[in-house]
């Protein structure tokens, strides 16, 4: 058994799938057997939550969003949380849950984040921290240039508060040349 938030498992397992043809969608869920517990503690109903970007509030649209990897995990329980990003290079763009075509040169990450003041945005390549940026609170759009070495890459974002993850994105995969 690991920590309640499952983050080490998430990093190890998804990081080991960096060479997959497409990202594997990470989802968050509680394993609560007391539906009457309305506390804000991790593991209660709705903590963590999977936030799905869907074309409509219908079962088929929500399932399509999950299959496409257009989800992030919210460990904070804050209904205003937001985490989404794209990765661009040489005229190609991939959104969270997609794969960017192989290529050479630097990438540009465009992240949309709504998180508390004092939180930080961490850019991971597989499980390696590549950048850490302070967040000012509220909704922000950040542009992050990143040089990549040859090989497979799995770019994902984490928002941390006081050193603990509160938002976890799915990946954009970048295959080797």
N, C-alpha and C. Protein backbone atom coordinates (compact mmCIF):
# COMPACT_ATOMS: atom_id res chain seq x y z
N UNK A 1 0.85 -1.18 0.00
CA UNK A 1 0.00 0.00 0.00
C UNK A 1 0.88 1.23 0.00
N UNK A 2 0.50 2.22 -0.76
CA UNK A 2 1.26 3.45 -0.86
C UNK A 2 0.56 4.58 -0.16
N UNK A 3 1.05 5.80 -0.35
CA UNK A 3 0.42 6.96 0.26
C UNK A 3 -1.02 7.12 -0.22
N UNK A 4 -1.81 7.82 0.56
CA UNK A 4 -3.23 7.99 0.24
C UNK A 4 -3.44 8.64 -1.11
N UNK A 5 -2.55 9.54 -1.54
CA UNK A 5 -2.80 10.24 -2.80
C UNK A 5 -2.35 9.45 -4.03
N UNK A 6 -1.59 8.37 -3.87
CA UNK A 6 -1.22 7.52 -5.00
C UNK A 6 -0.20 8.12 -5.94
N UNK A 7 0.37 9.29 -5.62
CA UNK A 7 1.26 9.98 -6.55
C UNK A 7 2.48 9.14 -6.94
N UNK A 8 3.17 8.46 -6.01
CA UNK A 8 4.31 7.65 -6.47
C UNK A 8 3.91 6.60 -7.49
N UNK A 9 2.79 5.94 -7.29
CA UNK A 9 2.32 4.96 -8.26
C UNK A 9 2.07 5.62 -9.60
N UNK A 10 1.40 6.77 -9.59
CA UNK A 10 1.07 7.50 -10.81
C UNK A 10 2.34 7.85 -11.58
N UNK A 11 3.35 8.37 -10.89
CA UNK A 11 4.59 8.76 -11.57
C UNK A 11 5.33 7.54 -12.10
N UNK A 12 5.45 6.50 -11.29
CA UNK A 12 6.19 5.31 -11.72
C UNK A 12 5.50 4.60 -12.87
N UNK A 13 4.21 4.34 -12.73
CA UNK A 13 3.50 3.56 -13.74
C UNK A 13 3.36 4.33 -15.04
N UNK A 14 2.88 5.56 -14.99
CA UNK A 14 2.72 6.30 -16.23
C UNK A 14 4.07 6.66 -16.84
N UNK A 15 5.05 6.95 -15.99
CA UNK A 15 6.38 7.24 -16.50
C UNK A 15 6.98 6.07 -17.24
N UNK A 16 6.67 4.86 -16.81
CA UNK A 16 7.20 3.68 -17.49
C UNK A 16 6.53 3.43 -18.83
N UNK A 17 5.46 4.15 -19.12
CA UNK A 17 4.75 3.98 -20.39
C UNK A 17 5.03 5.14 -21.35
N UNK A 18 6.16 5.81 -21.19
CA UNK A 18 6.50 6.95 -22.03
C UNK A 18 6.63 6.58 -23.50
N UNK A 19 6.93 5.34 -23.80
CA UNK A 19 7.10 4.95 -25.19
C UNK A 19 5.82 4.37 -25.80
N UNK A 20 4.72 4.42 -25.08
CA UNK A 20 3.46 3.89 -25.60
C UNK A 20 3.02 4.71 -26.81
N UNK A 21 2.20 4.12 -27.64
CA UNK A 21 1.73 4.81 -28.85
C UNK A 21 0.84 6.00 -28.51
N UNK A 22 0.14 5.92 -27.40
CA UNK A 22 -0.67 7.05 -26.95
C UNK A 22 -0.69 7.05 -25.44
N UNK A 23 -0.93 8.21 -24.83
CA UNK A 23 -0.93 8.28 -23.37
C UNK A 23 -2.02 7.40 -22.76
N UNK A 24 -1.74 6.92 -21.58
CA UNK A 24 -2.72 6.17 -20.79
C UNK A 24 -3.39 7.18 -19.87
N UNK A 25 -4.71 7.25 -19.89
CA UNK A 25 -5.43 8.24 -19.09
C UNK A 25 -5.38 7.88 -17.62
N UNK A 26 -4.88 8.80 -16.81
CA UNK A 26 -4.89 8.65 -15.36
C UNK A 26 -6.21 9.21 -14.84
N UNK A 27 -6.81 8.50 -13.90
CA UNK A 27 -8.03 9.00 -13.28
C UNK A 27 -7.88 8.90 -11.77
N UNK A 28 -8.60 9.73 -11.06
CA UNK A 28 -8.57 9.72 -9.60
C UNK A 28 -9.92 9.31 -9.06
N UNK A 29 -9.92 8.56 -7.98
CA UNK A 29 -11.17 8.14 -7.36
C UNK A 29 -10.91 7.83 -5.90
N UNK A 30 -11.94 7.96 -5.10
CA UNK A 30 -11.81 7.60 -3.69
C UNK A 30 -12.28 6.16 -3.51
N UNK A 31 -11.80 5.54 -2.46
CA UNK A 31 -12.26 4.21 -2.08
C UNK A 31 -12.89 4.35 -0.71
N UNK A 32 -14.05 4.95 -0.69
CA UNK A 32 -14.71 5.28 0.57
C UNK A 32 -15.90 4.36 0.77
N UNK A 33 -15.98 3.80 1.95
CA UNK A 33 -17.08 2.89 2.28
C UNK A 33 -18.05 3.52 3.27
N UNK A 34 -17.92 4.84 3.47
CA UNK A 34 -18.82 5.57 4.38
C UNK A 34 -19.34 6.78 3.63
N UNK A 35 -20.41 6.58 2.85
CA UNK A 35 -20.98 7.67 2.06
C UNK A 35 -21.52 8.81 2.89
N UNK A 36 -21.68 8.61 4.18
CA UNK A 36 -22.17 9.70 5.03
C UNK A 36 -21.07 10.65 5.46
N UNK A 37 -19.80 10.26 5.26
CA UNK A 37 -18.67 11.11 5.66
C UNK A 37 -18.57 12.28 4.69
N UNK A 38 -18.88 13.47 5.15
CA UNK A 38 -18.85 14.68 4.32
C UNK A 38 -17.64 15.57 4.60
N UNK A 39 -16.63 15.01 5.26
CA UNK A 39 -15.44 15.80 5.57
C UNK A 39 -14.67 16.10 4.28
N UNK A 40 -13.70 16.95 4.40
CA UNK A 40 -12.86 17.33 3.26
C UNK A 40 -11.57 16.52 3.20
N UNK A 41 -11.51 15.43 3.95
CA UNK A 41 -10.29 14.63 4.02
C UNK A 41 -10.09 13.84 2.72
N UNK A 42 -8.81 13.67 2.30
CA UNK A 42 -8.55 12.83 1.14
C UNK A 42 -9.13 11.44 1.35
N UNK A 43 -9.70 10.87 0.30
CA UNK A 43 -10.29 9.56 0.37
C UNK A 43 -11.79 9.56 0.63
N UNK A 44 -12.34 10.73 0.99
CA UNK A 44 -13.78 10.80 1.13
C UNK A 44 -14.39 10.92 -0.27
N UNK A 45 -15.69 10.75 -0.36
CA UNK A 45 -16.35 10.78 -1.66
C UNK A 45 -16.01 12.10 -2.38
N UNK A 46 -15.52 11.96 -3.61
CA UNK A 46 -15.16 13.13 -4.41
C UNK A 46 -13.74 13.62 -4.21
N UNK A 47 -12.93 12.97 -3.39
CA UNK A 47 -11.55 13.37 -3.15
C UNK A 47 -10.66 12.16 -3.26
N UNK A 48 -9.87 12.00 -4.26
CA UNK A 48 -9.68 12.91 -5.37
C UNK A 48 -10.81 12.81 -6.39
N UNK A 49 -10.81 13.76 -7.31
CA UNK A 49 -11.81 13.78 -8.37
C UNK A 49 -11.11 13.77 -9.72
N UNK A 50 -11.78 13.19 -10.70
CA UNK A 50 -11.32 13.24 -12.07
C UNK A 50 -12.13 14.32 -12.78
N UNK A 51 -11.45 15.33 -13.30
CA UNK A 51 -12.10 16.41 -14.03
C UNK A 51 -11.95 16.09 -15.51
N UNK A 52 -13.08 16.01 -16.22
CA UNK A 52 -13.10 15.58 -17.62
C UNK A 52 -13.47 16.75 -18.51
N UNK A 53 -12.66 16.99 -19.55
CA UNK A 53 -13.02 17.94 -20.59
C UNK A 53 -13.87 17.18 -21.60
N UNK A 54 -15.16 17.49 -21.64
CA UNK A 54 -16.09 16.77 -22.51
C UNK A 54 -16.86 17.77 -23.36
N UNK A 55 -17.27 17.34 -24.54
CA UNK A 55 -18.02 18.20 -25.47
C UNK A 55 -19.44 18.49 -24.95
N UNK A 56 -19.95 17.62 -24.08
CA UNK A 56 -21.30 17.79 -23.53
C UNK A 56 -21.38 17.04 -22.21
N UNK A 57 -22.39 17.34 -21.42
CA UNK A 57 -22.60 16.64 -20.16
C UNK A 57 -23.48 15.42 -20.39
N UNK A 58 -22.96 14.51 -21.21
CA UNK A 58 -23.64 13.25 -21.50
C UNK A 58 -22.65 12.12 -21.26
N UNK A 59 -23.18 10.93 -21.00
CA UNK A 59 -22.30 9.79 -20.77
C UNK A 59 -21.37 9.53 -21.96
N UNK A 60 -21.87 9.50 -23.21
CA UNK A 60 -20.94 9.27 -24.33
C UNK A 60 -19.85 10.34 -24.43
N UNK A 61 -20.19 11.61 -24.20
CA UNK A 61 -19.19 12.68 -24.30
C UNK A 61 -18.16 12.58 -23.19
N UNK A 62 -18.60 12.25 -21.98
CA UNK A 62 -17.67 12.11 -20.86
C UNK A 62 -16.74 10.93 -21.09
N UNK A 63 -17.27 9.81 -21.54
CA UNK A 63 -16.42 8.66 -21.83
C UNK A 63 -15.44 8.96 -22.96
N UNK A 64 -15.87 9.71 -23.96
CA UNK A 64 -14.96 10.11 -25.04
C UNK A 64 -13.83 10.98 -24.50
N UNK A 65 -14.15 11.90 -23.59
CA UNK A 65 -13.12 12.74 -22.96
C UNK A 65 -12.11 11.92 -22.18
N UNK A 66 -12.59 10.91 -21.45
CA UNK A 66 -11.68 10.05 -20.69
C UNK A 66 -10.81 9.24 -21.65
N UNK A 67 -11.41 8.65 -22.68
CA UNK A 67 -10.63 7.86 -23.65
C UNK A 67 -9.57 8.70 -24.34
N UNK A 68 -9.87 9.98 -24.55
CA UNK A 68 -8.92 10.87 -25.21
C UNK A 68 -7.86 11.41 -24.24
N UNK A 69 -7.97 11.07 -22.95
CA UNK A 69 -6.99 11.56 -21.98
C UNK A 69 -7.19 13.01 -21.62
N UNK A 70 -8.37 13.55 -21.90
CA UNK A 70 -8.66 14.96 -21.63
C UNK A 70 -9.19 15.12 -20.20
N UNK A 71 -8.37 14.67 -19.24
CA UNK A 71 -8.75 14.70 -17.83
C UNK A 71 -7.56 15.12 -16.99
N UNK A 72 -7.87 15.69 -15.82
CA UNK A 72 -6.83 15.87 -14.81
C UNK A 72 -7.39 15.42 -13.48
N UNK A 73 -6.48 15.10 -12.56
CA UNK A 73 -6.86 14.64 -11.23
C UNK A 73 -6.76 15.82 -10.28
N UNK A 74 -7.84 16.04 -9.53
CA UNK A 74 -7.89 17.11 -8.53
C UNK A 74 -7.87 16.48 -7.15
N UNK A 75 -6.75 16.63 -6.46
CA UNK A 75 -6.63 16.12 -5.10
C UNK A 75 -7.09 17.15 -4.07
N UNK A 76 -7.26 18.40 -4.50
CA UNK A 76 -7.54 19.49 -3.56
C UNK A 76 -9.01 19.59 -3.16
N UNK A 77 -9.92 19.14 -4.02
CA UNK A 77 -11.33 19.30 -3.73
C UNK A 77 -11.86 20.69 -4.04
N UNK A 78 -11.05 21.52 -4.69
CA UNK A 78 -11.46 22.88 -5.03
C UNK A 78 -12.19 22.86 -6.37
N UNK A 79 -13.45 23.23 -6.36
CA UNK A 79 -14.27 23.17 -7.59
C UNK A 79 -13.79 24.12 -8.67
N UNK A 80 -12.97 25.11 -8.34
CA UNK A 80 -12.48 26.07 -9.32
C UNK A 80 -11.17 25.65 -9.97
N UNK A 81 -10.61 24.53 -9.58
CA UNK A 81 -9.32 24.09 -10.11
C UNK A 81 -9.38 23.87 -11.62
N UNK A 82 -8.25 24.16 -12.27
CA UNK A 82 -8.12 23.97 -13.71
C UNK A 82 -6.68 23.59 -14.01
N UNK A 83 -6.50 22.61 -14.89
CA UNK A 83 -5.17 22.25 -15.36
C UNK A 83 -5.33 21.67 -16.77
N UNK A 84 -4.77 22.35 -17.74
CA UNK A 84 -4.80 21.90 -19.13
C UNK A 84 -3.55 22.44 -19.81
N UNK A 85 -3.11 21.77 -20.86
CA UNK A 85 -1.95 22.28 -21.57
C UNK A 85 -1.86 21.72 -22.97
N UNK A 86 -1.09 22.43 -23.79
CA UNK A 86 -0.73 21.97 -25.13
C UNK A 86 0.79 21.99 -25.23
N UNK A 87 1.30 21.19 -26.16
CA UNK A 87 2.72 21.18 -26.48
C UNK A 87 2.84 21.41 -27.97
N UNK A 88 3.69 22.37 -28.35
CA UNK A 88 3.85 22.73 -29.76
C UNK A 88 5.32 22.65 -30.17
N UNK A 89 5.50 22.32 -31.46
CA UNK A 89 6.84 22.34 -32.07
C UNK A 89 6.65 22.29 -33.57
N UNK A 90 7.35 23.16 -34.27
CA UNK A 90 7.43 23.13 -35.74
C UNK A 90 6.05 23.05 -36.40
N UNK A 91 5.11 23.86 -35.95
CA UNK A 91 3.80 23.92 -36.58
C UNK A 91 2.83 22.84 -36.15
N UNK A 92 3.22 21.95 -35.25
CA UNK A 92 2.34 20.89 -34.74
C UNK A 92 1.99 21.18 -33.29
N UNK A 93 0.77 20.88 -32.90
CA UNK A 93 0.32 21.07 -31.52
C UNK A 93 -0.45 19.84 -31.06
N UNK A 94 -0.18 19.42 -29.83
CA UNK A 94 -0.90 18.31 -29.20
C UNK A 94 -1.46 18.80 -27.88
N UNK A 95 -2.69 18.43 -27.58
CA UNK A 95 -3.28 18.75 -26.30
C UNK A 95 -3.07 17.60 -25.33
N UNK A 96 -3.27 17.87 -24.06
CA UNK A 96 -3.15 16.85 -23.04
C UNK A 96 -3.95 15.61 -23.47
N UNK A 97 -3.29 14.45 -23.44
CA UNK A 97 -3.92 13.21 -23.86
C UNK A 97 -3.56 12.79 -25.27
N UNK A 98 -2.83 13.63 -26.00
CA UNK A 98 -2.46 13.31 -27.38
C UNK A 98 -0.95 13.05 -27.49
N UNK A 99 -0.52 12.75 -28.69
CA UNK A 99 0.91 12.59 -28.99
C UNK A 99 1.31 13.65 -30.00
N UNK A 100 2.45 14.27 -29.77
CA UNK A 100 3.02 15.23 -30.71
C UNK A 100 3.87 14.45 -31.71
N UNK A 101 3.77 14.76 -33.00
CA UNK A 101 4.61 14.04 -33.96
C UNK A 101 6.10 14.17 -33.62
N UNK A 102 6.85 13.13 -33.94
CA UNK A 102 8.29 13.15 -33.70
C UNK A 102 8.90 14.32 -34.46
N UNK A 103 9.95 14.86 -33.92
CA UNK A 103 10.63 15.98 -34.55
C UNK A 103 11.85 16.37 -33.73
N UNK A 104 12.51 17.40 -34.18
CA UNK A 104 13.70 17.89 -33.49
C UNK A 104 13.46 19.31 -33.02
N UNK A 105 14.20 19.68 -32.00
CA UNK A 105 14.16 21.05 -31.52
C UNK A 105 13.32 21.21 -30.26
N UNK A 106 13.33 22.43 -29.77
CA UNK A 106 12.65 22.76 -28.53
C UNK A 106 11.13 22.67 -28.69
N UNK A 107 10.46 22.44 -27.59
CA UNK A 107 8.99 22.47 -27.57
C UNK A 107 8.54 23.69 -26.79
N UNK A 108 7.28 24.05 -26.98
CA UNK A 108 6.68 25.14 -26.20
C UNK A 108 5.43 24.59 -25.54
N UNK A 109 5.37 24.73 -24.23
CA UNK A 109 4.21 24.29 -23.46
C UNK A 109 3.38 25.52 -23.13
N UNK A 110 2.09 25.44 -23.41
CA UNK A 110 1.13 26.48 -23.02
C UNK A 110 0.22 25.85 -21.97
N UNK A 111 0.32 26.33 -20.73
CA UNK A 111 -0.45 25.75 -19.64
C UNK A 111 -1.51 26.73 -19.16
N UNK A 112 -2.71 26.22 -18.94
CA UNK A 112 -3.78 27.00 -18.33
C UNK A 112 -4.00 26.39 -16.95
N UNK A 113 -3.88 27.24 -15.92
CA UNK A 113 -3.92 26.76 -14.54
C UNK A 113 -4.76 27.68 -13.69
N UNK A 114 -5.62 27.11 -12.89
CA UNK A 114 -6.28 27.84 -11.81
C UNK A 114 -5.93 27.11 -10.53
N UNK A 115 -5.19 27.80 -9.67
CA UNK A 115 -4.70 27.20 -8.44
C UNK A 115 -4.50 28.31 -7.41
N UNK A 116 -4.35 27.94 -6.15
CA UNK A 116 -4.18 28.94 -5.10
C UNK A 116 -2.86 29.70 -5.23
N UNK A 117 -2.86 30.92 -4.70
CA UNK A 117 -1.63 31.71 -4.63
C UNK A 117 -0.61 30.94 -3.80
N UNK A 118 0.63 30.95 -4.27
CA UNK A 118 1.70 30.26 -3.57
C UNK A 118 1.93 28.84 -4.06
N UNK A 119 1.04 28.33 -4.89
CA UNK A 119 1.24 27.00 -5.46
C UNK A 119 2.33 27.09 -6.53
N UNK A 120 2.85 25.95 -6.95
CA UNK A 120 3.86 25.91 -8.01
C UNK A 120 3.42 24.94 -9.09
N UNK A 121 3.81 25.25 -10.32
CA UNK A 121 3.57 24.38 -11.46
C UNK A 121 4.87 23.65 -11.75
N UNK A 122 4.81 22.33 -11.80
CA UNK A 122 5.98 21.51 -12.08
C UNK A 122 5.78 20.85 -13.43
N UNK A 123 6.78 20.95 -14.30
CA UNK A 123 6.78 20.28 -15.60
C UNK A 123 7.63 19.03 -15.46
N UNK A 124 7.03 17.88 -15.77
CA UNK A 124 7.74 16.61 -15.71
C UNK A 124 7.94 16.06 -17.12
N UNK A 125 9.09 15.44 -17.31
CA UNK A 125 9.33 14.62 -18.50
C UNK A 125 9.56 13.22 -17.96
N UNK A 126 8.62 12.33 -18.19
CA UNK A 126 8.51 11.05 -17.52
C UNK A 126 8.40 11.40 -16.03
N UNK A 127 9.35 11.06 -15.17
CA UNK A 127 9.26 11.42 -13.75
C UNK A 127 10.31 12.45 -13.37
N UNK A 128 10.97 13.06 -14.36
CA UNK A 128 12.04 14.02 -14.11
C UNK A 128 11.51 15.45 -14.14
N UNK A 129 11.78 16.19 -13.07
CA UNK A 129 11.38 17.60 -13.03
C UNK A 129 12.22 18.39 -14.01
N UNK A 130 11.55 19.07 -14.94
CA UNK A 130 12.26 19.87 -15.93
C UNK A 130 12.10 21.36 -15.69
N UNK A 131 11.03 21.77 -15.01
CA UNK A 131 10.82 23.19 -14.71
C UNK A 131 9.87 23.29 -13.53
N UNK A 132 10.06 24.34 -12.73
CA UNK A 132 9.16 24.65 -11.62
C UNK A 132 8.89 26.15 -11.67
N UNK A 133 7.61 26.51 -11.72
CA UNK A 133 7.23 27.92 -11.83
C UNK A 133 6.26 28.29 -10.71
N UNK A 134 6.46 29.47 -10.10
CA UNK A 134 5.52 29.91 -9.06
C UNK A 134 4.21 30.37 -9.70
N UNK A 135 3.11 30.13 -9.00
CA UNK A 135 1.79 30.59 -9.45
C UNK A 135 1.32 31.72 -8.55
N UNK A 136 0.64 32.69 -9.16
CA UNK A 136 0.21 33.88 -8.43
C UNK A 136 -1.21 33.77 -7.90
N UNK A 137 -1.88 32.67 -8.19
CA UNK A 137 -3.25 32.49 -7.73
C UNK A 137 -4.23 32.88 -8.81
N UNK A 138 -5.39 32.25 -8.80
CA UNK A 138 -6.39 32.52 -9.83
C UNK A 138 -6.01 31.84 -11.13
N UNK A 139 -6.68 32.25 -12.19
CA UNK A 139 -6.43 31.64 -13.51
C UNK A 139 -5.23 32.30 -14.18
N UNK A 140 -4.33 31.45 -14.68
CA UNK A 140 -3.12 31.92 -15.36
C UNK A 140 -2.88 31.10 -16.61
N UNK A 141 -2.25 31.74 -17.60
CA UNK A 141 -1.73 31.04 -18.76
C UNK A 141 -0.22 31.23 -18.74
N UNK A 142 0.51 30.15 -18.79
CA UNK A 142 1.96 30.20 -18.75
C UNK A 142 2.53 29.57 -20.01
N UNK A 143 3.60 30.16 -20.53
CA UNK A 143 4.33 29.62 -21.67
C UNK A 143 5.69 29.16 -21.17
N UNK A 144 6.01 27.90 -21.46
CA UNK A 144 7.24 27.31 -20.95
C UNK A 144 8.01 26.69 -22.12
N UNK A 145 9.14 27.28 -22.51
CA UNK A 145 9.97 26.64 -23.54
C UNK A 145 10.79 25.53 -22.89
N UNK A 146 11.01 24.45 -23.64
CA UNK A 146 11.75 23.32 -23.08
C UNK A 146 12.55 22.64 -24.18
N UNK A 147 13.85 22.49 -23.96
CA UNK A 147 14.70 21.74 -24.88
C UNK A 147 14.63 20.26 -24.54
N UNK A 148 14.54 19.42 -25.56
CA UNK A 148 14.46 17.98 -25.36
C UNK A 148 15.66 17.30 -25.99
N UNK A 149 16.14 16.27 -25.33
CA UNK A 149 17.19 15.43 -25.90
C UNK A 149 16.52 14.39 -26.79
N UNK A 150 17.24 13.74 -27.69
CA UNK A 150 16.64 12.69 -28.51
C UNK A 150 16.07 11.57 -27.63
N UNK A 151 14.96 10.99 -28.05
CA UNK A 151 14.35 9.89 -27.32
C UNK A 151 12.87 10.12 -27.11
N UNK A 152 12.24 9.20 -26.41
CA UNK A 152 10.82 9.30 -26.08
C UNK A 152 10.63 10.24 -24.89
N UNK A 153 9.54 11.00 -24.95
CA UNK A 153 9.24 11.93 -23.87
C UNK A 153 7.77 11.84 -23.51
N UNK A 154 7.49 12.03 -22.24
CA UNK A 154 6.13 12.04 -21.72
C UNK A 154 6.02 13.28 -20.84
N UNK A 155 5.41 14.32 -21.39
CA UNK A 155 5.34 15.61 -20.70
C UNK A 155 4.02 15.68 -19.93
N UNK A 156 4.12 15.97 -18.64
CA UNK A 156 2.92 16.15 -17.83
C UNK A 156 3.19 17.25 -16.80
N UNK A 157 2.12 17.74 -16.21
CA UNK A 157 2.21 18.83 -15.25
C UNK A 157 1.65 18.40 -13.90
N UNK A 158 2.23 18.96 -12.85
CA UNK A 158 1.71 18.81 -11.50
C UNK A 158 1.64 20.19 -10.89
N UNK A 159 0.56 20.48 -10.19
CA UNK A 159 0.50 21.69 -9.37
C UNK A 159 0.67 21.22 -7.93
N UNK A 160 1.63 21.85 -7.24
CA UNK A 160 1.90 21.52 -5.85
C UNK A 160 1.60 22.71 -4.96
N UNK A 161 1.16 22.40 -3.74
CA UNK A 161 0.98 23.43 -2.72
C UNK A 161 1.65 22.90 -1.46
N UNK A 162 2.56 23.70 -0.91
CA UNK A 162 3.34 23.29 0.26
C UNK A 162 4.05 21.96 0.02
N UNK A 163 4.52 21.75 -1.21
CA UNK A 163 5.28 20.55 -1.56
C UNK A 163 4.46 19.31 -1.84
N UNK A 164 3.13 19.40 -1.72
CA UNK A 164 2.27 18.24 -1.97
C UNK A 164 1.47 18.47 -3.24
N UNK A 165 1.27 17.43 -4.05
CA UNK A 165 0.51 17.61 -5.29
C UNK A 165 -0.97 17.88 -5.00
N UNK A 166 -1.54 18.81 -5.77
CA UNK A 166 -2.98 19.07 -5.66
C UNK A 166 -3.68 18.86 -7.00
N UNK A 167 -2.96 19.00 -8.12
CA UNK A 167 -3.52 18.77 -9.45
C UNK A 167 -2.50 17.96 -10.25
N UNK A 168 -2.97 16.94 -10.98
CA UNK A 168 -2.10 16.07 -11.76
C UNK A 168 -2.67 15.95 -13.17
N UNK A 169 -1.87 16.30 -14.16
CA UNK A 169 -2.36 16.22 -15.54
C UNK A 169 -2.09 14.85 -16.14
N UNK A 170 -2.74 14.58 -17.25
CA UNK A 170 -2.36 13.48 -18.11
C UNK A 170 -1.23 13.98 -19.01
N UNK A 171 -0.68 13.12 -19.82
CA UNK A 171 0.53 13.43 -20.57
C UNK A 171 0.27 13.82 -22.01
N UNK A 172 1.27 14.47 -22.60
CA UNK A 172 1.45 14.57 -24.04
C UNK A 172 2.70 13.73 -24.33
N UNK A 173 2.55 12.74 -25.19
CA UNK A 173 3.69 11.90 -25.56
C UNK A 173 4.40 12.48 -26.77
N UNK A 174 5.72 12.34 -26.76
CA UNK A 174 6.53 12.76 -27.90
C UNK A 174 7.46 11.61 -28.22
N UNK A 175 7.22 10.90 -29.33
CA UNK A 175 8.06 9.75 -29.67
C UNK A 175 9.43 10.20 -30.16
N UNK A 176 10.37 9.28 -30.13
CA UNK A 176 11.73 9.59 -30.62
C UNK A 176 11.68 9.78 -32.13
N UNK A 177 12.70 10.45 -32.62
CA UNK A 177 12.79 10.72 -34.07
C UNK A 177 13.02 9.46 -34.85
